[in-house]
Amino acid sequence: MMKTKVLSASLLFSLFIPLHAQIPQLEYRPFAEDGKVWESQVGRIMENVYGKRIDGDTLIGGVAWKKVYN
């Protein structure tokens, strides 16, 4: 009896995992996309805030790189 309950619970749990992995909100979204903009602050003074953005990509030595501008 106990063995049947454990096996059925294991089966239900194993069926739930693949369904949970397909939820659209949990899909991978890469950080390095064109148009991304963010700010970074150095120290506590607001004058030391720098904006950065990703715009385009380039090929260096056969490796693709994203261009990050200040």
PDB file of N, CA and C in Angstrom:
ATOM      1  N   MET A   1       0.825  -1.203   0.000  1.00  0.00           N
ATOM      2  CA  MET A   1       0.000   0.000   0.000  1.00  0.00           C
ATOM      3  C   MET A   1       0.864   1.259   0.000  1.00  0.00           C
ATOM      4  N   MET A   2       1.840   1.279   0.895  1.00  0.00           N
ATOM      5  CA  MET A   2       2.722   2.441   0.995  1.00  0.00           C
ATOM      6  C   MET A   2       3.568   2.590  -0.271  1.00  0.00           C
ATOM      7  N   LYS A   3       3.991   1.449  -0.814  1.00  0.00           N
ATOM      8  CA  LYS A   3       4.804   1.465  -2.026  1.00  0.00           C
ATOM      9  C   LYS A   3       4.008   2.056  -3.193  1.00  0.00           C
ATOM     10  N   THR A   4       2.735   1.748  -3.279  1.00  0.00           N
ATOM     11  CA  THR A   4       1.868   2.264  -4.340  1.00  0.00           C
ATOM     12  C   THR A   4       1.714   3.775  -4.234  1.00  0.00           C
ATOM     13  N   LYS A   5       1.554   4.284  -3.015  1.00  0.00           N
ATOM     14  CA  LYS A   5       1.425   5.729  -2.818  1.00  0.00           C
ATOM     15  C   LYS A   5       2.695   6.463  -3.213  1.00  0.00           C
ATOM     16  N   VAL A   6       3.838   5.913  -2.843  1.00  0.00           N
ATOM     17  CA  VAL A   6       5.115   6.540  -3.182  1.00  0.00           C
ATOM     18  C   VAL A   6       5.333   6.529  -4.686  1.00  0.00           C
ATOM     19  N   LEU A   7       5.040   5.424  -5.329  1.00  0.00           N
ATOM     20  CA  LEU A   7       5.201   5.334  -6.779  1.00  0.00           C
ATOM     21  C   LEU A   7       4.263   6.281  -7.520  1.00  0.00           C
ATOM     22  N   SER A   8       3.018   6.379  -7.073  1.00  0.00           N
ATOM     23  CA  SER A   8       2.075   7.279  -7.748  1.00  0.00           C
ATOM     24  C   SER A   8       2.462   8.743  -7.524  1.00  0.00           C
ATOM     25  N   ALA A   9       2.936   9.068  -6.337  1.00  0.00           N
ATOM     26  CA  ALA A   9       3.389  10.442  -6.077  1.00  0.00           C
ATOM     27  C   ALA A   9       4.606  10.767  -6.932  1.00  0.00           C
ATOM     28  N   SER A  10       5.522   9.822  -7.069  1.00  0.00           N
ATOM     29  CA  SER A  10       6.710  10.023  -7.912  1.00  0.00           C
ATOM     30  C   SER A  10       6.323  10.218  -9.370  1.00  0.00           C
ATOM     31  N   LEU A  11       5.357   9.461  -9.830  1.00  0.00           N
ATOM     32  CA  LEU A  11       4.900   9.575 -11.208  1.00  0.00           C
ATOM     33  C   LEU A  11       4.278  10.944 -11.462  1.00  0.00           C
ATOM     34  N   LEU A  12       3.416  11.382 -10.569  1.00  0.00           N
ATOM     35  CA  LEU A  12       2.789  12.700 -10.724  1.00  0.00           C
ATOM     36  C   LEU A  12       3.830  13.810 -10.698  1.00  0.00           C
ATOM     37  N   PHE A  13       4.791  13.705  -9.802  1.00  0.00           N
ATOM     38  CA  PHE A  13       5.843  14.716  -9.707  1.00  0.00           C
ATOM     39  C   PHE A  13       6.684  14.756 -10.980  1.00  0.00           C
ATOM     40  N   SER A  14       7.030  13.591 -11.521  1.00  0.00           N
ATOM     41  CA  SER A  14       7.851  13.550 -12.738  1.00  0.00           C
ATOM     42  C   SER A  14       7.086  14.078 -13.949  1.00  0.00           C
ATOM     43  N   LEU A  15       5.774  13.992 -13.951  1.00  0.00           N
ATOM     44  CA  LEU A  15       4.977  14.546 -15.047  1.00  0.00           C
ATOM     45  C   LEU A  15       4.844  16.064 -14.929  1.00  0.00           C
ATOM     46  N   PHE A  16       4.891  16.594 -13.710  1.00  0.00           N
ATOM     47  CA  PHE A  16       4.735  18.025 -13.481  1.00  0.00           C
ATOM     48  C   PHE A  16       5.974  18.812 -13.895  1.00  0.00           C
ATOM     49  N   ILE A  17       7.161  18.258 -13.742  1.00  0.00           N
ATOM     50  CA  ILE A  17       8.407  18.978 -14.018  1.00  0.00           C
ATOM     51  C   ILE A  17       8.497  19.447 -15.472  1.00  0.00           C
ATOM     52  N   PRO A  18       8.284  18.604 -16.486  1.00  0.00           N
ATOM     53  CA  PRO A  18       8.375  19.099 -17.865  1.00  0.00           C
ATOM     54  C   PRO A  18       7.323  20.158 -18.193  1.00  0.00           C
ATOM     55  N   LEU A  19       6.137  20.059 -17.622  1.00  0.00           N
ATOM     56  CA  LEU A  19       5.110  21.059 -17.875  1.00  0.00           C
ATOM     57  C   LEU A  19       5.498  22.402 -17.269  1.00  0.00           C
ATOM     58  N   HIS A  20       6.095  22.383 -16.108  1.00  0.00           N
ATOM     59  CA  HIS A  20       6.498  23.602 -15.427  1.00  0.00           C
ATOM     60  C   HIS A  20       7.628  24.303 -16.181  1.00  0.00           C
ATOM     61  N   ALA A  21       8.481  23.552 -16.851  1.00  0.00           N
ATOM     62  CA  ALA A  21       9.617  24.128 -17.565  1.00  0.00           C
ATOM     63  C   ALA A  21       9.185  24.876 -18.826  1.00  0.00           C
ATOM     64  N   GLN A  22       7.966  24.673 -19.299  1.00  0.00           N
ATOM     65  CA  GLN A  22       7.511  25.284 -20.542  1.00  0.00           C
ATOM     66  C   GLN A  22       6.719  26.577 -20.337  1.00  0.00           C
ATOM     67  N   ILE A  23       6.620  27.089 -19.125  1.00  0.00           N
ATOM     68  CA  ILE A  23       5.875  28.311 -18.864  1.00  0.00           C
ATOM     69  C   ILE A  23       6.605  29.478 -19.532  1.00  0.00           C
ATOM     70  N   PRO A  24       5.923  30.296 -20.343  1.00  0.00           N
ATOM     71  CA  PRO A  24       6.592  31.364 -21.106  1.00  0.00           C
ATOM     72  C   PRO A  24       7.328  32.392 -20.252  1.00  0.00           C
ATOM     73  N   GLN A  25       6.855  32.700 -19.046  1.00  0.00           N
ATOM     74  CA  GLN A  25       7.514  33.699 -18.222  1.00  0.00           C
ATOM     75  C   GLN A  25       8.900  33.247 -17.771  1.00  0.00           C
ATOM     76  N   LEU A  26       9.154  31.960 -17.816  1.00  0.00           N
ATOM     77  CA  LEU A  26      10.426  31.441 -17.341  1.00  0.00           C
ATOM     78  C   LEU A  26      11.418  31.175 -18.468  1.00  0.00           C
ATOM     79  N   GLU A  27      11.107  31.603 -19.684  1.00  0.00           N
ATOM     80  CA  GLU A  27      12.016  31.377 -20.801  1.00  0.00           C
ATOM     81  C   GLU A  27      13.265  32.228 -20.640  1.00  0.00           C
ATOM     82  N   TYR A  28      14.380  31.741 -21.165  1.00  0.00           N
ATOM     83  CA  TYR A  28      15.650  32.452 -21.096  1.00  0.00           C
ATOM     84  C   TYR A  28      15.614  33.704 -21.960  1.00  0.00           C
ATOM     85  N   ARG A  29      16.007  34.821 -21.392  1.00  0.00           N
ATOM     86  CA  ARG A  29      16.148  36.073 -22.126  1.00  0.00           C
ATOM     87  C   ARG A  29      17.562  36.572 -21.935  1.00  0.00           C
ATOM     88  N   PRO A  30      18.369  36.616 -22.991  1.00  0.00           N
ATOM     89  CA  PRO A  30      19.761  37.035 -22.833  1.00  0.00           C
ATOM     90  C   PRO A  30      19.870  38.512 -22.459  1.00  0.00           C
ATOM     91  N   PHE A  31      20.887  38.853 -21.689  1.00  0.00           N
ATOM     92  CA  PHE A  31      21.114  40.238 -21.289  1.00  0.00           C
ATOM     93  C   PHE A  31      21.589  41.067 -22.477  1.00  0.00           C
ATOM     94  N   ALA A  32      22.480  40.500 -23.267  1.00  0.00           N
ATOM     95  CA  ALA A  32      23.123  41.251 -24.349  1.00  0.00           C
ATOM     96  C   ALA A  32      22.246  41.268 -25.606  1.00  0.00           C
ATOM     97  N   GLU A  33      21.212  42.107 -25.601  1.00  0.00           N
ATOM     98  CA  GLU A  33      20.359  42.301 -26.768  1.00  0.00           C
ATOM     99  C   GLU A  33      20.524  43.731 -27.252  1.00  0.00           C
ATOM    100  N   ASP A  34      20.394  43.949 -28.562  1.00  0.00           N
ATOM    101  CA  ASP A  34      20.452  45.298 -29.095  1.00  0.00           C
ATOM    102  C   ASP A  34      19.356  46.157 -28.473  1.00  0.00           C
ATOM    103  N   GLY A  35      19.714  47.397 -28.132  1.00  0.00           N
ATOM    104  CA  GLY A  35      18.746  48.321 -27.566  1.00  0.00           C
ATOM    105  C   GLY A  35      18.705  48.336 -26.049  1.00  0.00           C
ATOM    106  N   LYS A  36      19.417  47.432 -25.377  1.00  0.00           N
ATOM    107  CA  LYS A  36      19.439  47.434 -23.915  1.00  0.00           C
ATOM    108  C   LYS A  36      20.168  48.675 -23.427  1.00  0.00           C
ATOM    109  N   VAL A  37      19.620  49.314 -22.399  1.00  0.00           N
ATOM    110  CA  VAL A  37      20.212  50.516 -21.819  1.00  0.00           C
ATOM    111  C   VAL A  37      20.216  50.351 -20.305  1.00  0.00           C
ATOM    112  N   TRP A  38      21.318  50.758 -19.639  1.00  0.00           N
ATOM    113  CA  TRP A  38      21.370  50.726 -18.189  1.00  0.00           C
ATOM    114  C   TRP A  38      22.337  51.803 -17.703  1.00  0.00           C
ATOM    115  N   GLU A  39      22.256  52.090 -16.415  1.00  0.00           N
ATOM    116  CA  GLU A  39      23.124  53.085 -15.796  1.00  0.00           C
ATOM    117  C   GLU A  39      23.938  52.425 -14.695  1.00  0.00           C
ATOM    118  N   SER A  40      25.163  52.920 -14.510  1.00  0.00           N
ATOM    119  CA  SER A  40      25.980  52.474 -13.386  1.00  0.00           C
ATOM    120  C   SER A  40      26.521  53.712 -12.686  1.00  0.00           C
ATOM    121  N   GLN A  41      26.559  53.654 -11.366  1.00  0.00           N
ATOM    122  CA  GLN A  41      26.997  54.796 -10.565  1.00  0.00           C
ATOM    123  C   GLN A  41      28.287  54.429  -9.858  1.00  0.00           C
ATOM    124  N   VAL A  42      29.256  55.354  -9.898  1.00  0.00           N
ATOM    125  CA  VAL A  42      30.524  55.157  -9.211  1.00  0.00           C
ATOM    126  C   VAL A  42      30.526  56.076  -7.990  1.00  0.00           C
ATOM    127  N   GLY A  43      30.542  55.516  -6.816  1.00  0.00           N
ATOM    128  CA  GLY A  43      30.508  56.313  -5.590  1.00  0.00           C
ATOM    129  C   GLY A  43      29.095  56.772  -5.265  1.00  0.00           C
ATOM    130  N   ARG A  44      29.006  57.804  -4.394  1.00  0.00           N
ATOM    131  CA  ARG A  44      27.701  58.265  -3.930  1.00  0.00           C
ATOM    132  C   ARG A  44      27.247  59.543  -4.625  1.00  0.00           C
ATOM    133  N   ILE A  45      28.084  60.156  -5.420  1.00  0.00           N
ATOM    134  CA  ILE A  45      27.750  61.419  -6.068  1.00  0.00           C
ATOM    135  C   ILE A  45      26.981  61.144  -7.353  1.00  0.00           C
ATOM    136  N   MET A  46      25.836  61.831  -7.527  1.00  0.00           N
ATOM    137  CA  MET A  46      24.991  61.582  -8.706  1.00  0.00           C
ATOM    138  C   MET A  46      25.650  62.029 -10.008  1.00  0.00           C
ATOM    139  N   GLU A  47      26.689  62.853  -9.944  1.00  0.00           N
ATOM    140  CA  GLU A  47      27.383  63.255 -11.170  1.00  0.00           C
ATOM    141  C   GLU A  47      28.186  62.097 -11.763  1.00  0.00           C
ATOM    142  N   ASN A  48      28.406  61.065 -10.980  1.00  0.00           N
ATOM    143  CA  ASN A  48      29.195  59.919 -11.431  1.00  0.00           C
ATOM    144  C   ASN A  48      28.310  58.777 -11.927  1.00  0.00           C
ATOM    145  N   VAL A  49      27.229  59.127 -12.619  1.00  0.00           N
ATOM    146  CA  VAL A  49      26.334  58.119 -13.193  1.00  0.00           C
ATOM    147  C   VAL A  49      26.626  58.033 -14.689  1.00  0.00           C
ATOM    148  N   TYR A  50      26.879  56.824 -15.141  1.00  0.00           N
ATOM    149  CA  TYR A  50      27.231  56.619 -16.545  1.00  0.00           C
ATOM    150  C   TYR A  50      26.187  55.732 -17.208  1.00  0.00           C
ATOM    151  N   GLY A  51      25.737  56.157 -18.372  1.00  0.00           N
ATOM    152  CA  GLY A  51      24.797  55.359 -19.139  1.00  0.00           C
ATOM    153  C   GLY A  51      25.532  54.461 -20.109  1.00  0.00           C
ATOM    154  N   LYS A  52      25.047  53.262 -20.270  1.00  0.00           N
ATOM    155  CA  LYS A  52      25.634  52.315 -21.218  1.00  0.00           C
ATOM    156  C   LYS A  52      24.508  51.742 -22.068  1.00  0.00           C
ATOM    157  N   ARG A  53      24.859  51.378 -23.313  1.00  0.00           N
ATOM    158  CA  ARG A  53      23.865  50.773 -24.186  1.00  0.00           C
ATOM    159  C   ARG A  53      24.541  49.774 -25.109  1.00  0.00           C
ATOM    160  N   ILE A  54      23.782  48.799 -25.535  1.00  0.00           N
ATOM    161  CA  ILE A  54      24.266  47.801 -26.489  1.00  0.00           C
ATOM    162  C   ILE A  54      23.665  48.148 -27.838  1.00  0.00           C
ATOM    163  N   ASP A  55      24.532  48.264 -28.834  1.00  0.00           N
ATOM    164  CA  ASP A  55      24.052  48.636 -30.162  1.00  0.00           C
ATOM    165  C   ASP A  55      24.920  47.970 -31.218  1.00  0.00           C
ATOM    166  N   GLY A  56      24.440  46.898 -31.780  1.00  0.00           N
ATOM    167  CA  GLY A  56      25.139  46.225 -32.867  1.00  0.00           C
ATOM    168  C   GLY A  56      26.114  45.171 -32.362  1.00  0.00           C
ATOM    169  N   ASP A  57      26.760  44.527 -33.314  1.00  0.00           N
ATOM    170  CA  ASP A  57      27.769  43.534 -32.977  1.00  0.00           C
ATOM    171  C   ASP A  57      28.898  43.594 -33.991  1.00  0.00           C
ATOM    172  N   THR A  58      29.980  42.919 -33.688  1.00  0.00           N
ATOM    173  CA  THR A  58      31.134  42.895 -34.561  1.00  0.00           C
ATOM    174  C   THR A  58      31.779  41.521 -34.479  1.00  0.00           C
ATOM    175  N   LEU A  59      32.665  41.235 -35.398  1.00  0.00           N
ATOM    176  CA  LEU A  59      33.351  39.955 -35.459  1.00  0.00           C
ATOM    177  C   LEU A  59      34.840  40.213 -35.292  1.00  0.00           C
ATOM    178  N   ILE A  60      35.448  39.663 -34.244  1.00  0.00           N
ATOM    179  CA  ILE A  60      36.882  39.835 -33.985  1.00  0.00           C
ATOM    180  C   ILE A  60      37.493  38.450 -33.846  1.00  0.00           C
ATOM    181  N   GLY A  61      38.404  38.136 -34.729  1.00  0.00           N
ATOM    182  CA  GLY A  61      39.067  36.840 -34.672  1.00  0.00           C
ATOM    183  C   GLY A  61      38.114  35.660 -34.786  1.00  0.00           C
ATOM    184  N   GLY A  62      37.037  35.829 -35.540  1.00  0.00           N
ATOM    185  CA  GLY A  62      36.074  34.761 -35.723  1.00  0.00           C
ATOM    186  C   GLY A  62      35.094  34.593 -34.568  1.00  0.00           C
ATOM    187  N   VAL A  63      35.136  35.518 -33.584  1.00  0.00           N
ATOM    188  CA  VAL A  63      34.236  35.456 -32.429  1.00  0.00           C
ATOM    189  C   VAL A  63      33.295  36.652 -32.481  1.00  0.00           C
ATOM    190  N   ALA A  64      31.999  36.422 -32.299  1.00  0.00           N
ATOM    191  CA  ALA A  64      31.002  37.498 -32.317  1.00  0.00           C
ATOM    192  C   ALA A  64      30.994  38.216 -30.973  1.00  0.00           C
ATOM    193  N   TRP A  65      31.042  39.561 -30.990  1.00  0.00           N
ATOM    194  CA  TRP A  65      31.006  40.396 -29.795  1.00  0.00           C
ATOM    195  C   TRP A  65      29.916  41.444 -29.951  1.00  0.00           C
ATOM    196  N   LYS A  66      29.291  41.843 -28.849  1.00  0.00           N
ATOM    197  CA  LYS A  66      28.324  42.936 -28.847  1.00  0.00           C
ATOM    198  C   LYS A  66      29.059  44.240 -28.578  1.00  0.00           C
ATOM    199  N   LYS A  67      28.609  45.339 -29.185  1.00  0.00           N
ATOM    200  CA  LYS A  67      29.203  46.643 -28.958  1.00  0.00           C
ATOM    201  C   LYS A  67      28.495  47.334 -27.800  1.00  0.00           C
ATOM    202  N   VAL A  68      29.252  47.737 -26.776  1.00  0.00           N
ATOM    203  CA  VAL A  68      28.706  48.438 -25.613  1.00  0.00           C
ATOM    204  C   VAL A  68      29.279  49.848 -25.621  1.00  0.00           C
ATOM    205  N   TYR A  69      28.389  50.844 -25.596  1.00  0.00           N
ATOM    206  CA  TYR A  69      28.792  52.234 -25.648  1.00  0.00           C
ATOM    207  C   TYR A  69      28.498  52.910 -24.312  1.00  0.00           C
ATOM    208  N   ASN A  70      29.383  53.852 -23.914  1.00  0.00           N
ATOM    209  CA  ASN A  70      29.130  54.700 -22.739  1.00  0.00           C
ATOM    210  C   ASN A  70      28.339  55.905 -23.147  1.00  0.00           C
TER     211      ASN A  70
END
